[in-house]
Amino acid sequence: MNEAVRKLSHQRSIVGELGLNYARSGDVVSGRAEAVAEAAVPGTQTLRTSVIATWADVIAGAIAGHAINPRIPLTLDLEVQLLGAATVGDQIVGESVAVKIGRTVVVCEASFRQESETDPFAIAIASFIASPNPADVFEGGFPDFTGIPGRLSAPFAERAGLRVLEPGVAEVPRRDDGLNGTGAIQGGILSLAAEQAALSLSPDPAVAVGLNMRYLRQFSIGPCRAEATGDARGSIVRLVDEGTGKIGAIATVRLGPPDF
């Protein structure tokens, strides 16, 4: 198995510790998780949007991975819109399906709801391509990452090693336990950096009610520096791989109150 894939599937990975237990049944990938305090926006009981984005990337990525098997899928863009809020203690159910499986792009839709509800509190759209590197394949086919999920040992930002350097600027390192299948920084962790850069511009506790990530290139060296330009309502965030000096992703983040 590819070494990066082995680390990705390890239970101690940062993404694994977000607690999503997921499985595929036919054309649907579904997942379940609990909203824990370590996954909440600091100073609130509201689940981080970057956690939802990471979960969406996982279950939608599983759809894409099976569609383009054995090639490793790369996320092109990922959008999350909140229709409501999930709070600490909520039991979350997510489902993802393919919207389009084309020759070069796979587009998926994901929704998240509280277990006791029928309507979603968050929806996500993601698109994927196969890695252009012919060596980026899953040996033996797309792997089964199902199993007992982990539990965050610290708040998500702390666990990922994220630092806010100044208002509007956040940085996250490239770490072995935070990689995607090709050995680059995982897209959900990049969404955390974008989210936190935007949140740091707000003087009051806020939540990213809209988060749109566009991935331009792999963060293969790191660290990733996210710089937000905007205000307490929202911003555009540019994410740069400090190891290469190149912009690797661009995001738009729209903020709202935690109890919107």
Protein backbone atom coordinates (compact mmCIF):
# COMPACT_ATOMS: atom_id res chain seq x y z
CA MET A 1 0.00 0.00 0.00
CA ASN A 2 1.18 3.52 -0.82
CA GLU A 3 2.83 4.95 2.34
CA ALA A 4 0.67 8.09 2.32
CA VAL A 5 -2.43 5.91 1.99
CA ARG A 6 -1.28 3.79 4.92
CA LYS A 7 -0.98 6.92 7.08
CA LEU A 8 -4.33 8.21 5.85
CA SER A 9 -6.06 4.99 6.87
CA HIS A 10 -4.40 4.91 10.29
CA GLN A 11 -6.84 5.40 13.13
CA ARG A 12 -4.60 8.06 14.72
CA SER A 13 -4.84 10.41 11.76
CA ILE A 14 -6.25 13.88 12.40
CA VAL A 15 -9.11 13.30 9.99
CA GLY A 16 -9.84 9.91 11.57
CA GLU A 17 -10.05 11.56 14.99
CA LEU A 18 -12.95 13.71 13.77
CA GLY A 19 -15.01 10.64 14.56
CA LEU A 20 -16.81 9.91 11.29
CA ASN A 21 -17.80 6.26 10.92
CA TYR A 22 -18.82 5.76 7.29
CA ALA A 23 -19.68 3.00 4.87
CA ARG A 24 -20.80 2.53 1.26
CA SER A 25 -24.07 0.89 0.30
CA GLY A 26 -24.75 0.82 -3.41
CA ASP A 27 -24.54 4.34 -4.80
CA VAL A 28 -24.66 6.02 -1.38
CA VAL A 29 -21.89 6.66 1.14
CA SER A 30 -23.25 7.47 4.58
CA GLY A 31 -21.55 8.42 7.80
CA ARG A 32 -22.32 9.01 11.45
CA ALA A 33 -20.51 11.07 14.05
CA GLU A 34 -21.05 12.97 17.27
CA ALA A 35 -20.45 16.72 17.49
CA VAL A 36 -17.86 16.92 20.27
CA ALA A 37 -16.58 19.99 22.12
CA GLU A 38 -13.15 19.68 20.49
CA ALA A 39 -14.79 20.11 17.07
CA ALA A 40 -16.67 23.28 18.02
CA VAL A 41 -15.79 26.87 17.14
CA PRO A 42 -13.80 28.27 20.09
CA GLY A 43 -16.01 30.13 22.53
CA THR A 44 -19.18 28.45 21.22
CA GLN A 45 -21.03 25.14 21.25
CA THR A 46 -21.42 25.22 17.44
CA LEU A 47 -19.73 22.64 15.24
CA ARG A 48 -16.98 24.04 13.02
CA THR A 49 -17.89 24.31 9.35
CA SER A 50 -14.42 23.02 8.49
CA VAL A 51 -15.31 19.78 10.30
CA ILE A 52 -18.40 19.45 8.12
CA ALA A 53 -16.23 20.24 5.09
CA THR A 54 -13.78 17.51 6.08
CA TRP A 55 -16.57 14.98 6.55
CA ALA A 56 -18.03 15.98 3.17
CA ASP A 57 -14.62 15.57 1.56
CA VAL A 58 -14.36 12.08 3.05
CA ILE A 59 -17.77 10.69 2.06
CA ALA A 60 -17.90 12.44 -1.31
CA GLY A 61 -14.29 11.43 -1.92
CA ALA A 62 -15.25 7.80 -1.29
CA ILE A 63 -17.84 8.09 -4.08
CA ALA A 64 -15.22 9.61 -6.38
CA GLY A 65 -12.60 7.06 -5.36
CA HIS A 66 -14.81 4.15 -6.37
CA ALA A 67 -15.76 5.91 -9.62
CA ILE A 68 -12.18 6.43 -10.78
CA ASN A 69 -10.65 3.39 -9.05
CA PRO A 70 -7.70 2.71 -8.79
CA ARG A 71 -6.59 6.32 -9.37
CA ILE A 72 -6.40 8.55 -6.30
CA PRO A 73 -9.04 11.33 -6.43
CA LEU A 74 -8.06 14.95 -5.84
CA THR A 75 -10.59 17.54 -4.69
CA LEU A 76 -11.07 20.39 -7.16
CA ASP A 77 -13.57 22.40 -5.15
CA LEU A 78 -15.70 21.97 -2.07
CA GLU A 79 -18.57 24.19 -0.96
CA VAL A 80 -20.47 23.98 2.34
CA GLN A 81 -23.56 26.03 3.13
CA LEU A 82 -25.17 25.96 6.57
CA LEU A 83 -28.94 25.97 6.80
CA GLY A 84 -28.83 25.61 10.57
CA ALA A 85 -26.34 24.76 13.28
CA ALA A 86 -25.15 21.55 14.89
CA THR A 87 -24.09 21.84 18.52
CA VAL A 88 -22.03 19.80 20.94
CA GLY A 89 -23.75 16.51 21.74
CA ASP A 90 -25.72 16.26 18.51
CA GLN A 91 -25.62 12.96 16.65
CA ILE A 92 -24.88 13.73 13.00
CA VAL A 93 -25.82 11.70 9.92
CA GLY A 94 -24.26 12.45 6.55
CA GLU A 95 -25.02 11.06 3.09
CA SER A 96 -23.29 11.54 -0.24
CA VAL A 97 -24.24 10.61 -3.79
CA ALA A 98 -22.78 11.28 -7.22
CA VAL A 99 -24.37 14.06 -9.24
CA LYS A 100 -22.25 13.39 -12.31
CA ILE A 101 -19.55 10.89 -13.16
CA GLY A 102 -17.79 12.20 -16.23
CA ARG A 103 -14.65 11.19 -18.07
CA THR A 104 -12.51 13.71 -16.18
CA VAL A 105 -14.61 15.12 -13.32
CA VAL A 106 -16.80 13.53 -10.66
CA VAL A 107 -19.31 15.83 -8.92
CA CYS A 108 -20.93 14.78 -5.64
CA GLU A 109 -23.54 16.14 -3.29
CA ALA A 110 -23.50 15.61 0.47
CA SER A 111 -25.98 16.54 3.17
CA PHE A 112 -25.81 16.47 6.95
CA ARG A 113 -28.65 16.31 9.43
CA GLN A 114 -29.19 15.67 13.09
CA GLU A 115 -30.16 12.04 13.68
CA SER A 116 -33.54 13.09 15.09
CA GLU A 117 -34.36 15.35 12.13
CA THR A 118 -35.23 14.75 8.48
CA ASP A 119 -34.09 18.09 7.03
CA PRO A 120 -30.38 18.84 6.63
CA PHE A 121 -28.60 21.58 8.55
CA ALA A 122 -25.76 21.63 6.01
CA ILE A 123 -25.32 20.82 2.33
CA ALA A 124 -22.11 20.42 0.37
CA ILE A 125 -21.06 20.11 -3.26
CA ALA A 126 -17.66 18.74 -4.23
CA SER A 127 -15.91 17.91 -7.47
CA PHE A 128 -12.94 15.62 -8.00
CA ILE A 129 -10.43 14.60 -10.65
CA ALA A 130 -8.00 11.71 -10.80
CA SER A 131 -4.49 12.69 -9.79
CA PRO A 132 -2.53 13.55 -12.94
CA ASN A 133 0.44 11.60 -11.58
CA PRO A 134 0.13 8.06 -12.99
CA ALA A 135 1.93 6.74 -9.90
CA ASP A 136 -0.89 7.93 -7.64
CA VAL A 137 -2.97 4.77 -7.48
CA PHE A 138 -4.45 2.64 -4.72
CA GLU A 139 -2.67 -0.69 -4.89
CA GLY A 140 -5.34 -3.35 -4.90
CA GLY A 141 -8.12 -0.83 -5.56
CA PHE A 142 -9.84 1.86 -3.53
CA PRO A 143 -9.24 0.95 0.13
CA ASP A 144 -11.84 0.33 2.79
CA PHE A 145 -11.35 3.01 5.44
CA THR A 146 -14.33 1.90 7.51
CA GLY A 147 -13.88 0.93 11.12
CA ILE A 148 -14.02 2.39 14.60
CA PRO A 149 -13.32 6.13 14.31
CA GLY A 150 -10.95 7.98 16.60
CA ARG A 151 -11.63 10.82 19.01
CA LEU A 152 -9.97 14.23 18.99
CA SER A 153 -7.36 14.43 21.74
CA ALA A 154 -7.42 18.25 21.61
CA PRO A 155 -9.42 21.00 19.87
CA PHE A 156 -9.30 20.53 16.09
CA ALA A 157 -7.09 23.57 15.47
CA GLU A 158 -4.66 22.57 18.20
CA ARG A 159 -4.60 18.96 17.02
CA ALA A 160 -3.75 20.11 13.48
CA GLY A 161 -1.00 22.41 14.77
CA LEU A 162 -2.76 25.52 13.48
CA ARG A 163 -1.49 28.94 14.65
CA VAL A 164 -3.07 32.36 14.18
CA LEU A 165 -0.10 34.62 13.47
CA GLU A 166 -2.09 37.85 13.39
CA PRO A 167 -5.70 38.83 12.63
CA GLY A 168 -6.50 37.37 9.22
CA VAL A 169 -3.44 35.11 8.99
CA ALA A 170 -3.36 31.44 10.04
CA GLU A 171 -0.80 28.74 9.38
CA VAL A 172 -1.01 24.96 9.50
CA PRO A 173 1.96 22.59 9.09
CA ARG A 174 2.30 19.57 6.83
CA ARG A 175 2.31 16.63 9.21
CA ASP A 176 2.37 12.88 8.61
CA ASP A 177 -0.98 12.46 10.36
CA GLY A 178 -2.68 15.12 8.23
CA LEU A 179 -2.04 13.97 4.67
CA ASN A 180 -4.20 12.94 1.73
CA GLY A 181 -3.61 9.88 -0.43
CA THR A 182 -0.81 11.57 -2.40
CA GLY A 183 1.12 12.78 0.65
CA ALA A 184 -0.04 16.42 0.53
CA ILE A 185 -1.90 18.35 3.25
CA GLN A 186 -5.46 17.01 3.44
CA GLY A 187 -8.14 19.31 2.01
CA GLY A 188 -10.20 19.42 5.20
CA ILE A 189 -7.22 20.69 7.17
CA LEU A 190 -6.73 23.38 4.53
CA SER A 191 -10.38 24.35 5.02
CA LEU A 192 -9.66 24.69 8.75
CA ALA A 193 -6.86 27.15 7.98
CA ALA A 194 -9.13 29.19 5.69
CA GLU A 195 -11.96 29.15 8.23
CA GLN A 196 -9.75 30.22 11.12
CA ALA A 197 -8.08 33.00 9.13
CA ALA A 198 -11.53 34.41 8.39
CA LEU A 199 -12.83 33.92 11.94
CA SER A 200 -9.82 35.77 13.36
CA LEU A 201 -11.05 38.95 11.64
CA SER A 202 -14.22 38.95 13.75
CA PRO A 203 -14.07 40.59 17.20
CA ASP A 204 -16.96 38.39 18.38
CA PRO A 205 -17.54 34.63 18.21
CA ALA A 206 -18.75 33.73 14.72
CA VAL A 207 -19.41 30.72 12.50
CA ALA A 208 -18.60 30.21 8.83
CA VAL A 209 -22.14 29.91 7.47
CA GLY A 210 -20.70 29.61 3.96
CA LEU A 211 -17.33 28.11 3.01
CA ASN A 212 -16.17 27.61 -0.57
CA MET A 213 -12.77 26.04 -1.23
CA ARG A 214 -11.10 25.89 -4.64
CA TYR A 215 -7.98 23.76 -4.74
CA LEU A 216 -5.40 24.81 -7.31
CA ARG A 217 -2.41 22.58 -6.53
CA GLN A 218 -1.16 20.16 -3.92
CA PHE A 219 0.41 21.43 -0.68
CA SER A 220 3.29 19.01 -0.94
CA ILE A 221 5.86 20.85 1.20
CA GLY A 222 4.08 23.23 3.57
CA PRO A 223 3.38 24.83 5.85
CA CYS A 224 0.16 26.33 4.49
CA ARG A 225 -0.35 30.02 5.22
CA ALA A 226 -3.92 31.31 4.88
CA GLU A 227 -4.37 35.07 4.53
CA ALA A 228 -7.88 36.50 4.71
CA THR A 229 -8.88 39.84 3.25
CA GLY A 230 -12.24 41.15 4.38
CA ASP A 231 -14.06 41.89 7.60
CA ALA A 232 -16.31 40.35 10.25
CA ARG A 233 -18.98 39.60 7.61
CA GLY A 234 -16.79 37.56 5.32
CA SER A 235 -13.58 37.41 3.36
CA ILE A 236 -11.58 35.92 0.55
CA VAL A 237 -8.73 33.72 1.73
CA ARG A 238 -5.60 32.89 -0.23
CA LEU A 239 -3.71 29.79 0.85
CA VAL A 240 -0.02 29.58 -0.03
CA ASP A 241 2.37 26.64 0.26
CA GLU A 242 5.23 28.35 2.07
CA GLY A 243 7.61 25.65 0.83
CA THR A 244 7.04 26.56 -2.82
CA GLY A 245 5.78 30.13 -2.49
CA LYS A 246 2.82 29.26 -4.74
CA ILE A 247 -0.86 29.75 -4.08
CA GLY A 248 -2.46 26.34 -3.67
CA ALA A 249 -6.07 27.19 -2.87
CA ILE A 250 -8.45 30.12 -2.67
CA ALA A 251 -11.54 30.30 -0.49
CA THR A 252 -14.49 32.53 0.23
CA VAL A 253 -15.88 32.52 3.75
CA ARG A 254 -19.16 34.10 4.88
CA LEU A 255 -19.58 34.60 8.62
CA GLY A 256 -22.63 34.71 10.85
CA PRO A 257 -23.45 34.54 14.57
CA PRO A 258 -23.10 31.12 16.29
CA ASP A 259 -26.85 30.99 17.00
CA PHE A 260 -28.03 32.11 13.55
